[in-house]
Amino acid sequence: MTRASALLFCLFSAASLLPVTARAETESEASAATGRPKIRLDQLTLPADLSGAKEFESHLRTTLKREARHADWGAGAGSKISYRFFVEQLELREEAGVLHVTCTALGRLPKGKSAKSHIVFGGDAHDRKKVVEHVLDIVARGVVTRLAELEKARRTP
């Protein structure tokens, strides 16, 4: 083997090792954040004057639990994250057989970070419960996803 071919062989061998070491570093970083953190809803508040509030609260708790489980919080299995969720506005208005739902929701993390979602949505007035639950699903998904992004950014160096 000539000196030039030996040098080329060393360069190709070294180049083939680079992606392996980079991959090993990312795998070790990923293994540090394996598992899911324990997510806890501290407080859930709905408007006091809302009719059927108990049913909507139950549905919203289920939705928040599902969305929190699916969100990427940037934390591992040993971490605990708590948040609060407030439905600030939930107005129902019916015009010509169409139910208009206006909803504003706010989520807060312990260190003062917050996320807010606002939606105006229309649907069949005969399916009042279904339309309101759909609106609550939308705002819950938006708020929880944004809170998870904020928490992940806080945890990432």
C-alpha atoms as a PDB file:
ATOM      1  CA  MET A   1       0.000   0.000   0.000  1.00  0.00           C
ATOM      2  CA  THR A   2       1.401   3.380  -0.939  1.00  0.00           C
ATOM      3  CA  ARG A   3       1.567   6.269   1.395  1.00  0.00           C
ATOM      4  CA  ALA A   4      -1.200   8.146  -0.479  1.00  0.00           C
ATOM      5  CA  SER A   5      -3.581   5.188  -0.452  1.00  0.00           C
ATOM      6  CA  ALA A   6      -2.907   4.603   3.258  1.00  0.00           C
ATOM      7  CA  LEU A   7      -3.704   8.265   3.938  1.00  0.00           C
ATOM      8  CA  LEU A   8      -6.953   8.027   1.940  1.00  0.00           C
ATOM      9  CA  PHE A   9      -7.886   4.845   3.795  1.00  0.00           C
ATOM     10  CA  CYS A  10      -7.367   6.600   7.148  1.00  0.00           C
ATOM     11  CA  LEU A  11      -9.441   9.605   6.043  1.00  0.00           C
ATOM     12  CA  PHE A  12     -12.341   7.421   4.864  1.00  0.00           C
ATOM     13  CA  SER A  13     -12.176   5.363   8.049  1.00  0.00           C
ATOM     14  CA  ALA A  14     -12.233   8.485  10.208  1.00  0.00           C
ATOM     15  CA  ALA A  15     -15.068   9.985   8.166  1.00  0.00           C
ATOM     16  CA  SER A  16     -17.155   6.854   8.588  1.00  0.00           C
ATOM     17  CA  LEU A  17     -16.735   7.070  12.375  1.00  0.00           C
ATOM     18  CA  LEU A  18     -18.022  10.642  12.652  1.00  0.00           C
ATOM     19  CA  PRO A  19     -21.734   9.917  12.140  1.00  0.00           C
ATOM     20  CA  VAL A  20     -21.529   7.002  14.583  1.00  0.00           C
ATOM     21  CA  THR A  21     -20.174   9.178  17.403  1.00  0.00           C
ATOM     22  CA  ALA A  22     -22.679  11.940  16.644  1.00  0.00           C
ATOM     23  CA  ARG A  23     -25.488   9.389  16.694  1.00  0.00           C
ATOM     24  CA  ALA A  24     -24.266   8.016  20.031  1.00  0.00           C
ATOM     25  CA  GLU A  25     -24.388  11.497  21.572  1.00  0.00           C
ATOM     26  CA  THR A  26     -27.943  12.132  20.438  1.00  0.00           C
ATOM     27  CA  GLU A  27     -29.035   8.708  21.699  1.00  0.00           C
ATOM     28  CA  SER A  28     -27.571   9.446  25.139  1.00  0.00           C
ATOM     29  CA  GLU A  29     -29.352  12.793  25.199  1.00  0.00           C
ATOM     30  CA  ALA A  30     -32.587  11.107  24.182  1.00  0.00           C
ATOM     31  CA  SER A  31     -32.212   8.432  26.833  1.00  0.00           C
ATOM     32  CA  ALA A  32     -31.928  11.160  29.493  1.00  0.00           C
ATOM     33  CA  ALA A  33     -35.454  12.319  28.624  1.00  0.00           C
ATOM     34  CA  THR A  34     -37.089   8.905  28.185  1.00  0.00           C
ATOM     35  CA  GLY A  35     -40.420   8.192  29.738  1.00  0.00           C
ATOM     36  CA  ARG A  36     -43.144  10.667  30.447  1.00  0.00           C
ATOM     37  CA  PRO A  37     -43.246  13.249  33.211  1.00  0.00           C
ATOM     38  CA  LYS A  38     -46.047  13.299  35.767  1.00  0.00           C
ATOM     39  CA  ILE A  39     -48.412  16.058  34.621  1.00  0.00           C
ATOM     40  CA  ARG A  40     -50.880  17.398  37.171  1.00  0.00           C
ATOM     41  CA  LEU A  41     -53.767  19.802  36.695  1.00  0.00           C
ATOM     42  CA  ASP A  42     -53.738  21.998  39.830  1.00  0.00           C
ATOM     43  CA  GLN A  43     -56.860  23.996  39.164  1.00  0.00           C
ATOM     44  CA  LEU A  44     -59.658  24.048  36.603  1.00  0.00           C
ATOM     45  CA  THR A  45     -62.072  26.971  36.530  1.00  0.00           C
ATOM     46  CA  LEU A  46     -65.162  27.435  34.370  1.00  0.00           C
ATOM     47  CA  PRO A  47     -67.525  30.432  34.331  1.00  0.00           C
ATOM     48  CA  ALA A  48     -69.965  30.212  37.252  1.00  0.00           C
ATOM     49  CA  ASP A  49     -73.042  31.098  35.194  1.00  0.00           C
ATOM     50  CA  LEU A  50     -72.582  28.268  32.673  1.00  0.00           C
ATOM     51  CA  SER A  51     -75.470  25.807  32.495  1.00  0.00           C
ATOM     52  CA  GLY A  52     -74.292  22.194  32.367  1.00  0.00           C
ATOM     53  CA  ALA A  53     -70.946  23.186  33.875  1.00  0.00           C
ATOM     54  CA  LYS A  54     -70.442  19.819  35.633  1.00  0.00           C
ATOM     55  CA  GLU A  55     -70.663  17.877  32.345  1.00  0.00           C
ATOM     56  CA  PHE A  56     -68.374  20.325  30.557  1.00  0.00           C
ATOM     57  CA  GLU A  57     -65.886  20.233  33.436  1.00  0.00           C
ATOM     58  CA  SER A  58     -65.762  16.448  33.317  1.00  0.00           C
ATOM     59  CA  HIS A  59     -65.251  16.489  29.545  1.00  0.00           C
ATOM     60  CA  LEU A  60     -62.588  19.185  29.823  1.00  0.00           C
ATOM     61  CA  ARG A  61     -60.653  17.253  32.494  1.00  0.00           C
ATOM     62  CA  THR A  62     -60.576  14.200  30.222  1.00  0.00           C
ATOM     63  CA  THR A  63     -59.461  16.304  27.254  1.00  0.00           C
ATOM     64  CA  LEU A  64     -56.747  18.086  29.247  1.00  0.00           C
ATOM     65  CA  LYS A  65     -55.407  14.769  30.531  1.00  0.00           C
ATOM     66  CA  ARG A  66     -55.250  13.353  26.999  1.00  0.00           C
ATOM     67  CA  GLU A  67     -53.615  16.452  25.523  1.00  0.00           C
ATOM     68  CA  ALA A  68     -51.070  16.695  28.358  1.00  0.00           C
ATOM     69  CA  ARG A  69     -50.127  13.063  27.826  1.00  0.00           C
ATOM     70  CA  HIS A  70     -49.578  13.598  24.089  1.00  0.00           C
ATOM     71  CA  ALA A  71     -47.643  16.866  24.396  1.00  0.00           C
ATOM     72  CA  ASP A  72     -43.835  16.966  24.415  1.00  0.00           C
ATOM     73  CA  TRP A  73     -42.913  18.667  27.694  1.00  0.00           C
ATOM     74  CA  GLY A  74     -39.155  18.119  27.287  1.00  0.00           C
ATOM     75  CA  ALA A  75     -38.949  16.269  30.604  1.00  0.00           C
ATOM     76  CA  GLY A  76     -38.284  12.688  31.588  1.00  0.00           C
ATOM     77  CA  ALA A  77     -40.082  10.136  33.731  1.00  0.00           C
ATOM     78  CA  GLY A  78     -38.854  11.509  37.066  1.00  0.00           C
ATOM     79  CA  SER A  79     -40.143  15.039  36.439  1.00  0.00           C
ATOM     80  CA  LYS A  80     -43.334  16.567  37.803  1.00  0.00           C
ATOM     81  CA  ILE A  81     -45.100  19.409  36.035  1.00  0.00           C
ATOM     82  CA  SER A  82     -48.209  21.161  37.289  1.00  0.00           C
ATOM     83  CA  TYR A  83     -50.396  23.688  35.496  1.00  0.00           C
ATOM     84  CA  ARG A  84     -53.668  25.553  35.914  1.00  0.00           C
ATOM     85  CA  PHE A  85     -56.419  25.984  33.353  1.00  0.00           C
ATOM     86  CA  PHE A  86     -59.037  28.742  33.357  1.00  0.00           C
ATOM     87  CA  VAL A  87     -61.938  29.142  30.963  1.00  0.00           C
ATOM     88  CA  GLU A  88     -62.271  32.911  31.178  1.00  0.00           C
ATOM     89  CA  GLN A  89     -65.130  33.283  28.721  1.00  0.00           C
ATOM     90  CA  LEU A  90     -67.646  30.784  27.352  1.00  0.00           C
ATOM     91  CA  GLU A  91     -70.563  32.536  25.689  1.00  0.00           C
ATOM     92  CA  LEU A  92     -73.309  30.806  23.760  1.00  0.00           C
ATOM     93  CA  ARG A  93     -75.481  32.743  21.332  1.00  0.00           C
ATOM     94  CA  GLU A  94     -78.083  31.362  18.940  1.00  0.00           C
ATOM     95  CA  GLU A  95     -79.061  33.057  15.665  1.00  0.00           C
ATOM     96  CA  ALA A  96     -81.198  31.482  12.938  1.00  0.00           C
ATOM     97  CA  GLY A  97     -80.581  27.910  14.099  1.00  0.00           C
ATOM     98  CA  VAL A  98     -76.819  28.419  14.429  1.00  0.00           C
ATOM     99  CA  LEU A  99     -75.122  28.255  17.811  1.00  0.00           C
ATOM    100  CA  HIS A 100     -72.197  30.664  18.098  1.00  0.00           C
ATOM    101  CA  VAL A 101     -69.729  29.749  20.834  1.00  0.00           C
ATOM    102  CA  THR A 102     -67.087  32.231  21.962  1.00  0.00           C
ATOM    103  CA  CYS A 103     -64.423  30.795  24.239  1.00  0.00           C
ATOM    104  CA  THR A 104     -61.285  32.203  25.811  1.00  0.00           C
ATOM    105  CA  ALA A 105     -59.046  29.948  27.899  1.00  0.00           C
ATOM    106  CA  LEU A 106     -55.829  30.579  29.809  1.00  0.00           C
ATOM    107  CA  GLY A 107     -53.228  28.152  31.098  1.00  0.00           C
ATOM    108  CA  ARG A 108     -50.500  28.931  33.633  1.00  0.00           C
ATOM    109  CA  LEU A 109     -47.274  27.226  34.642  1.00  0.00           C
ATOM    110  CA  PRO A 110     -45.810  27.732  38.149  1.00  0.00           C
ATOM    111  CA  LYS A 111     -42.995  30.085  37.087  1.00  0.00           C
ATOM    112  CA  GLY A 112     -45.403  32.665  35.647  1.00  0.00           C
ATOM    113  CA  LYS A 113     -45.475  31.487  32.026  1.00  0.00           C
ATOM    114  CA  SER A 114     -48.938  31.455  30.499  1.00  0.00           C
ATOM    115  CA  ALA A 115     -50.720  30.611  27.267  1.00  0.00           C
ATOM    116  CA  LYS A 116     -54.037  31.914  26.028  1.00  0.00           C
ATOM    117  CA  SER A 117     -56.417  30.688  23.346  1.00  0.00           C
ATOM    118  CA  HIS A 118     -59.499  32.381  21.901  1.00  0.00           C
ATOM    119  CA  ILE A 119     -61.977  30.951  19.404  1.00  0.00           C
ATOM    120  CA  VAL A 120     -65.351  31.821  17.942  1.00  0.00           C
ATOM    121  CA  PHE A 121     -67.045  28.765  16.476  1.00  0.00           C
ATOM    122  CA  GLY A 122     -70.469  28.054  15.003  1.00  0.00           C
ATOM    123  CA  GLY A 123     -72.476  24.872  14.796  1.00  0.00           C
ATOM    124  CA  ASP A 124     -75.909  23.300  14.792  1.00  0.00           C
ATOM    125  CA  ALA A 125     -78.024  24.689  17.632  1.00  0.00           C
ATOM    126  CA  HIS A 126     -79.628  21.264  18.148  1.00  0.00           C
ATOM    127  CA  ASP A 127     -76.210  19.783  19.022  1.00  0.00           C
ATOM    128  CA  ARG A 128     -75.402  22.321  21.741  1.00  0.00           C
ATOM    129  CA  LYS A 129     -73.400  19.939  23.934  1.00  0.00           C
ATOM    130  CA  LYS A 130     -71.409  18.523  21.012  1.00  0.00           C
ATOM    131  CA  VAL A 131     -70.510  21.988  19.690  1.00  0.00           C
ATOM    132  CA  VAL A 132     -69.432  23.306  23.106  1.00  0.00           C
ATOM    133  CA  GLU A 133     -67.337  20.198  23.806  1.00  0.00           C
ATOM    134  CA  HIS A 134     -65.658  20.576  20.402  1.00  0.00           C
ATOM    135  CA  VAL A 135     -64.778  24.194  21.201  1.00  0.00           C
ATOM    136  CA  LEU A 136     -63.391  23.167  24.608  1.00  0.00           C
ATOM    137  CA  ASP A 137     -61.294  20.465  22.897  1.00  0.00           C
ATOM    138  CA  ILE A 138     -59.813  23.029  20.521  1.00  0.00           C
ATOM    139  CA  VAL A 139     -58.852  25.556  23.190  1.00  0.00           C
ATOM    140  CA  ALA A 140     -57.529  22.825  25.513  1.00  0.00           C
ATOM    141  CA  ARG A 141     -55.286  21.444  22.781  1.00  0.00           C
ATOM    142  CA  GLY A 142     -53.975  24.903  21.934  1.00  0.00           C
ATOM    143  CA  VAL A 143     -53.251  25.940  25.508  1.00  0.00           C
ATOM    144  CA  VAL A 144     -51.664  22.643  26.588  1.00  0.00           C
ATOM    145  CA  THR A 145     -49.486  22.462  23.471  1.00  0.00           C
ATOM    146  CA  ARG A 146     -48.226  26.004  24.060  1.00  0.00           C
ATOM    147  CA  LEU A 147     -47.604  25.357  27.764  1.00  0.00           C
ATOM    148  CA  ALA A 148     -45.602  22.262  26.807  1.00  0.00           C
ATOM    149  CA  GLU A 149     -43.516  24.330  24.373  1.00  0.00           C
ATOM    150  CA  LEU A 150     -42.833  26.920  27.081  1.00  0.00           C
ATOM    151  CA  GLU A 151     -41.834  24.229  29.590  1.00  0.00           C
ATOM    152  CA  LYS A 152     -39.609  22.482  27.040  1.00  0.00           C
ATOM    153  CA  ALA A 153     -37.875  25.778  26.218  1.00  0.00           C
ATOM    154  CA  ARG A 154     -37.330  26.437  29.921  1.00  0.00           C
ATOM    155  CA  ARG A 155     -35.755  23.014  30.437  1.00  0.00           C
ATOM    156  CA  THR A 156     -33.538  23.117  27.326  1.00  0.00           C
ATOM    157  CA  PRO A 157     -30.168  24.725  27.965  1.00  0.00           C
END
